[in-house]
Amino acid sequence: MHLQANFGVGIYSFADAARFIGGEARDLRRWMLGHTATRNGEKHSYAPLWTPQLAATDIEGVGFRDLIELRFIRTFVASGVPLNLIRNTIEELRERLGNEYPFTSTAFKTDGRRIFMEMLDDNGDQALVDVVKRQNVMGKVIGPSLREGIELSVDDEATRWYPVSRSKAVVFDPQRSFGHPILSESGVPTIAVVEALKAECGNVSRVANLYEISVAAVRKAVAYEAQVAAA
């Protein structure tokens, strides 16, 4: 399918998605495309956690709403929650909250928390994190850190993400530049600013003139890309 048909959806390769939200591209690919694994000599197939926005295209990657939801999944996995429990919880949350991307939705901060804790308690898996860590997981996912900067529509769908804390200088907006990070005011991709700065031997003023943006904007783009690289 032509890229133009996906305008407003956002397009991210798994490598780009991993760069923006952390984690490994291979894990994101497995979660979104499904995979097979061999256990005790037997092959087991695992379906995708959900159908990604780009599933009907020939593009191997994810859309904007997928990207935002994957931030929550990655946090759960990194905190020790088994993927099979996350998979079961997604299905339960979708049914009870009526949202295709339940972790991103505002409803998850209330009913979703209770449902998730119920799933933990009923799972009976000895490999689960202990009660203290469960609370830490919920604090990370429901607390302000993951939700800060995410704008939701009246339908509770993620529409924009401002990734820099307490700043709207940089934005992920699926309606602009296929959802890749740009300077909010000018629309210049942050990575383009950094690459231009390298080409211009670090001359901030020259880059600012090149893109007709302020020196402050150049520095904000550089700061964001440094933040991504350090994650």
Protein backbone atom coordinates (compact mmCIF):
# COMPACT_ATOMS: atom_id res chain seq x y z
CA MET A 1 0.00 0.00 0.00
CA HIS A 2 1.29 3.46 -0.86
CA LEU A 3 2.64 5.59 1.98
CA GLN A 4 0.12 8.31 1.22
CA ALA A 5 -2.70 5.94 2.17
CA ASN A 6 -1.25 5.80 5.67
CA PHE A 7 -1.02 9.54 6.18
CA GLY A 8 -2.18 10.37 9.68
CA VAL A 9 -1.37 6.90 11.02
CA GLY A 10 2.34 7.33 11.66
CA ILE A 11 4.97 4.96 10.28
CA TYR A 12 7.84 3.55 12.34
CA SER A 13 10.19 0.71 11.55
CA PHE A 14 10.85 -1.56 14.51
CA ALA A 15 14.36 -0.10 14.75
CA ASP A 16 12.94 3.43 14.92
CA ALA A 17 10.28 2.39 17.43
CA ALA A 18 12.94 0.86 19.67
CA ARG A 19 15.02 4.02 19.39
CA PHE A 20 12.10 6.20 20.47
CA ILE A 21 10.66 4.10 23.29
CA GLY A 22 13.62 1.94 24.32
CA GLY A 23 13.97 -1.82 24.27
CA GLU A 24 15.08 -4.08 21.44
CA ALA A 25 13.71 -3.98 17.91
CA ARG A 26 13.55 -7.78 17.81
CA ASP A 27 11.26 -7.83 20.86
CA LEU A 28 8.92 -5.24 19.38
CA ARG A 29 8.81 -7.22 16.14
CA ARG A 30 7.91 -10.43 18.00
CA TRP A 31 5.17 -8.69 19.98
CA MET A 32 3.63 -7.12 16.90
CA LEU A 33 4.14 -9.80 14.23
CA GLY A 34 4.00 -12.95 16.35
CA HIS A 35 6.71 -15.59 16.56
CA THR A 36 7.50 -19.26 17.10
CA ALA A 37 9.60 -20.72 19.88
CA THR A 38 10.88 -24.20 20.63
CA ARG A 39 10.37 -25.64 24.10
CA ASN A 40 11.34 -29.17 25.04
CA GLY A 41 11.76 -30.00 21.37
CA GLU A 42 8.29 -28.74 20.44
CA LYS A 43 7.48 -25.66 18.39
CA HIS A 44 4.94 -23.20 19.76
CA SER A 45 3.40 -20.36 17.80
CA TYR A 46 2.46 -17.05 19.42
CA ALA A 47 0.10 -14.56 17.81
CA PRO A 48 0.75 -10.80 17.84
CA LEU A 49 -0.34 -9.01 21.03
CA TRP A 50 -2.74 -7.07 18.77
CA THR A 51 -3.12 -6.28 15.09
CA PRO A 52 -0.79 -3.35 14.32
CA GLN A 53 -2.09 -0.36 12.39
CA LEU A 54 0.11 -1.18 9.39
CA ALA A 55 -0.92 -4.85 9.19
CA ALA A 56 -2.82 -4.38 5.93
CA THR A 57 0.22 -2.82 4.22
CA ASP A 58 3.55 -4.14 3.02
CA ILE A 59 5.33 -2.02 5.63
CA GLU A 60 7.02 -3.94 8.45
CA GLY A 61 6.53 -1.67 11.41
CA VAL A 62 3.96 0.04 13.61
CA GLY A 63 1.71 3.08 13.65
CA PHE A 64 1.55 5.91 16.18
CA ARG A 65 -1.09 4.34 18.44
CA ASP A 66 0.89 1.09 18.42
CA LEU A 67 4.02 3.00 19.40
CA ILE A 68 2.38 4.64 22.40
CA GLU A 69 0.83 1.37 23.63
CA LEU A 70 4.16 -0.43 23.23
CA ARG A 71 5.72 1.97 25.75
CA PHE A 72 3.45 0.45 28.38
CA ILE A 73 4.12 -3.14 27.27
CA ARG A 74 7.88 -2.56 27.39
CA THR A 75 7.60 -1.20 30.94
CA PHE A 76 5.64 -4.24 32.10
CA VAL A 77 8.13 -6.66 30.52
CA ALA A 78 11.16 -4.77 31.86
CA SER A 79 9.60 -4.90 35.33
CA GLY A 80 9.32 -8.68 35.24
CA VAL A 81 5.71 -9.26 34.23
CA PRO A 82 5.45 -12.39 32.02
CA LEU A 83 4.35 -11.76 28.45
CA ASN A 84 1.60 -14.39 28.62
CA LEU A 85 0.03 -12.50 31.51
CA ILE A 86 0.26 -9.23 29.57
CA ARG A 87 -1.39 -10.93 26.59
CA ASN A 88 -4.28 -12.24 28.73
CA THR A 89 -4.67 -8.87 30.44
CA ILE A 90 -4.88 -7.03 27.10
CA GLU A 91 -7.74 -9.29 26.02
CA GLU A 92 -9.54 -8.83 29.33
CA LEU A 93 -9.05 -5.06 29.34
CA ARG A 94 -10.29 -4.71 25.76
CA GLU A 95 -13.45 -6.57 26.58
CA ARG A 96 -14.16 -4.78 29.86
CA LEU A 97 -12.96 -1.29 28.94
CA GLY A 98 -14.01 -1.35 25.29
CA ASN A 99 -10.73 0.11 24.03
CA GLU A 100 -8.38 -1.39 21.43
CA TYR A 101 -5.40 0.26 23.14
CA PRO A 102 -6.38 -0.17 26.80
CA PHE A 103 -3.12 0.72 28.55
CA THR A 104 -3.02 4.13 26.86
CA SER A 105 -6.66 4.92 27.70
CA THR A 106 -7.60 7.06 30.67
CA ALA A 107 -9.90 4.26 31.89
CA PHE A 108 -6.85 2.16 32.69
CA LYS A 109 -5.94 4.51 35.53
CA THR A 110 -9.08 3.41 37.39
CA ASP A 111 -10.81 0.18 36.40
CA GLY A 112 -7.77 -1.01 34.49
CA ARG A 113 -5.63 -0.98 37.59
CA ARG A 114 -8.08 -3.19 39.45
CA ILE A 115 -8.42 -5.58 36.52
CA PHE A 116 -4.65 -5.85 36.15
CA MET A 117 -4.16 -6.59 39.85
CA GLU A 118 -6.91 -9.21 39.69
CA MET A 119 -5.15 -10.89 36.79
CA LEU A 120 -1.89 -10.93 38.75
CA ASP A 121 -3.58 -12.43 41.81
CA ASP A 122 -5.47 -15.09 39.84
CA ASN A 123 -2.59 -16.13 37.61
CA GLY A 124 -0.89 -18.35 40.17
CA ASP A 125 2.40 -18.25 38.30
CA GLN A 126 5.34 -18.59 40.67
CA ALA A 127 7.48 -16.64 38.23
CA LEU A 128 5.41 -13.50 38.79
CA VAL A 129 6.91 -10.52 40.51
CA ASP A 130 6.12 -10.19 44.20
CA VAL A 131 3.48 -7.89 45.65
CA VAL A 132 5.88 -5.02 46.24
CA LYS A 133 7.13 -5.13 42.69
CA ARG A 134 3.59 -5.38 41.38
CA GLN A 135 2.85 -2.08 43.06
CA ASN A 136 5.99 -0.61 41.52
CA VAL A 137 4.89 -1.75 38.07
CA MET A 138 1.50 -0.13 38.48
CA GLY A 139 3.12 3.05 39.75
CA LYS A 140 5.26 3.26 36.64
CA VAL A 141 2.42 2.61 34.22
CA ILE A 142 -0.36 4.58 35.90
CA GLY A 143 1.88 7.32 37.28
CA PRO A 144 2.70 10.48 35.37
CA SER A 145 6.00 9.40 33.79
CA LEU A 146 4.57 7.28 30.95
CA ARG A 147 1.44 9.37 30.50
CA GLU A 148 3.04 12.78 30.62
CA GLY A 149 2.94 14.49 27.24
CA ILE A 150 0.37 12.17 25.65
CA GLU A 151 -2.66 13.98 24.23
CA LEU A 152 -5.87 11.98 23.88
CA SER A 153 -8.89 12.66 21.68
CA VAL A 154 -12.47 12.75 22.93
CA ASP A 155 -12.58 9.07 21.94
CA ASP A 156 -9.67 8.32 24.29
CA GLU A 157 -7.24 7.74 21.44
CA ALA A 158 -3.65 8.97 21.51
CA THR A 159 -3.24 11.83 19.03
CA ARG A 160 0.11 13.44 19.92
CA TRP A 161 3.06 12.78 22.17
CA TYR A 162 5.37 15.46 23.55
CA PRO A 163 8.35 13.34 24.70
CA VAL A 164 10.30 16.01 26.60
CA SER A 165 9.13 16.48 30.17
CA ARG A 166 7.23 19.74 30.75
CA SER A 167 7.96 20.94 27.22
CA LYS A 168 6.12 21.10 23.91
CA ALA A 169 9.18 21.92 21.86
CA VAL A 170 9.29 18.45 20.28
CA VAL A 171 6.26 16.44 19.19
CA PHE A 172 5.29 13.09 17.68
CA ASP A 173 2.21 13.84 15.58
CA PRO A 174 0.97 11.22 13.09
CA GLN A 175 -0.47 14.06 10.98
CA ARG A 176 3.02 15.52 10.45
CA SER A 177 6.19 13.91 9.03
CA PHE A 178 4.63 10.45 9.35
CA GLY A 179 4.73 10.78 13.12
CA HIS A 180 8.47 11.14 13.55
CA PRO A 181 9.82 13.64 16.11
CA ILE A 182 9.82 17.21 14.87
CA LEU A 183 10.19 20.67 16.34
CA SER A 184 6.57 21.60 17.11
CA GLU A 185 6.63 25.15 15.74
CA SER A 186 8.65 24.69 12.55
CA GLY A 187 8.01 21.02 11.73
CA VAL A 188 11.73 20.40 11.17
CA PRO A 189 12.70 16.79 12.09
CA THR A 190 14.96 16.72 15.12
CA ILE A 191 17.27 14.18 13.50
CA ALA A 192 17.70 16.50 10.49
CA VAL A 193 18.87 19.29 12.79
CA VAL A 194 21.44 17.00 14.42
CA GLU A 195 22.72 15.73 11.08
CA ALA A 196 22.99 19.29 9.76
CA LEU A 197 24.89 20.30 12.86
CA LYS A 198 27.41 17.54 12.22
CA ALA A 199 27.74 18.61 8.59
CA GLU A 200 28.27 22.21 9.66
CA CYS A 201 30.94 21.25 12.19
CA GLY A 202 28.78 22.21 15.17
CA ASN A 203 27.94 25.71 13.94
CA VAL A 204 24.58 26.27 15.68
CA SER A 205 23.92 29.66 14.09
CA ARG A 206 24.49 28.34 10.59
CA VAL A 207 22.06 25.46 11.15
CA ALA A 208 19.50 27.85 12.61
CA ASN A 209 19.75 30.01 9.49
CA LEU A 210 19.59 26.99 7.23
CA TYR A 211 16.24 25.86 8.66
CA GLU A 212 15.03 29.36 9.53
CA ILE A 213 14.61 28.46 13.19
CA SER A 214 16.00 29.92 16.38
CA VAL A 215 19.26 28.90 17.98
CA ALA A 216 17.20 27.79 20.98
CA ALA A 217 15.20 25.47 18.72
CA VAL A 218 18.40 23.92 17.39
CA ARG A 219 19.54 23.24 20.92
CA LYS A 220 16.19 21.72 21.87
CA ALA A 221 16.38 19.34 18.92
CA VAL A 222 19.90 18.35 19.88
CA ALA A 223 18.90 17.87 23.52
CA TYR A 224 16.02 15.60 22.53
CA GLU A 225 18.14 13.45 20.23
CA ALA A 226 20.73 13.15 23.00
CA GLN A 227 17.96 12.04 25.37
CA VAL A 228 16.91 9.34 22.88
CA ALA A 229 20.48 8.16 22.38
CA ALA A 230 21.02 7.87 26.13
CA ALA A 231 17.84 5.86 26.77
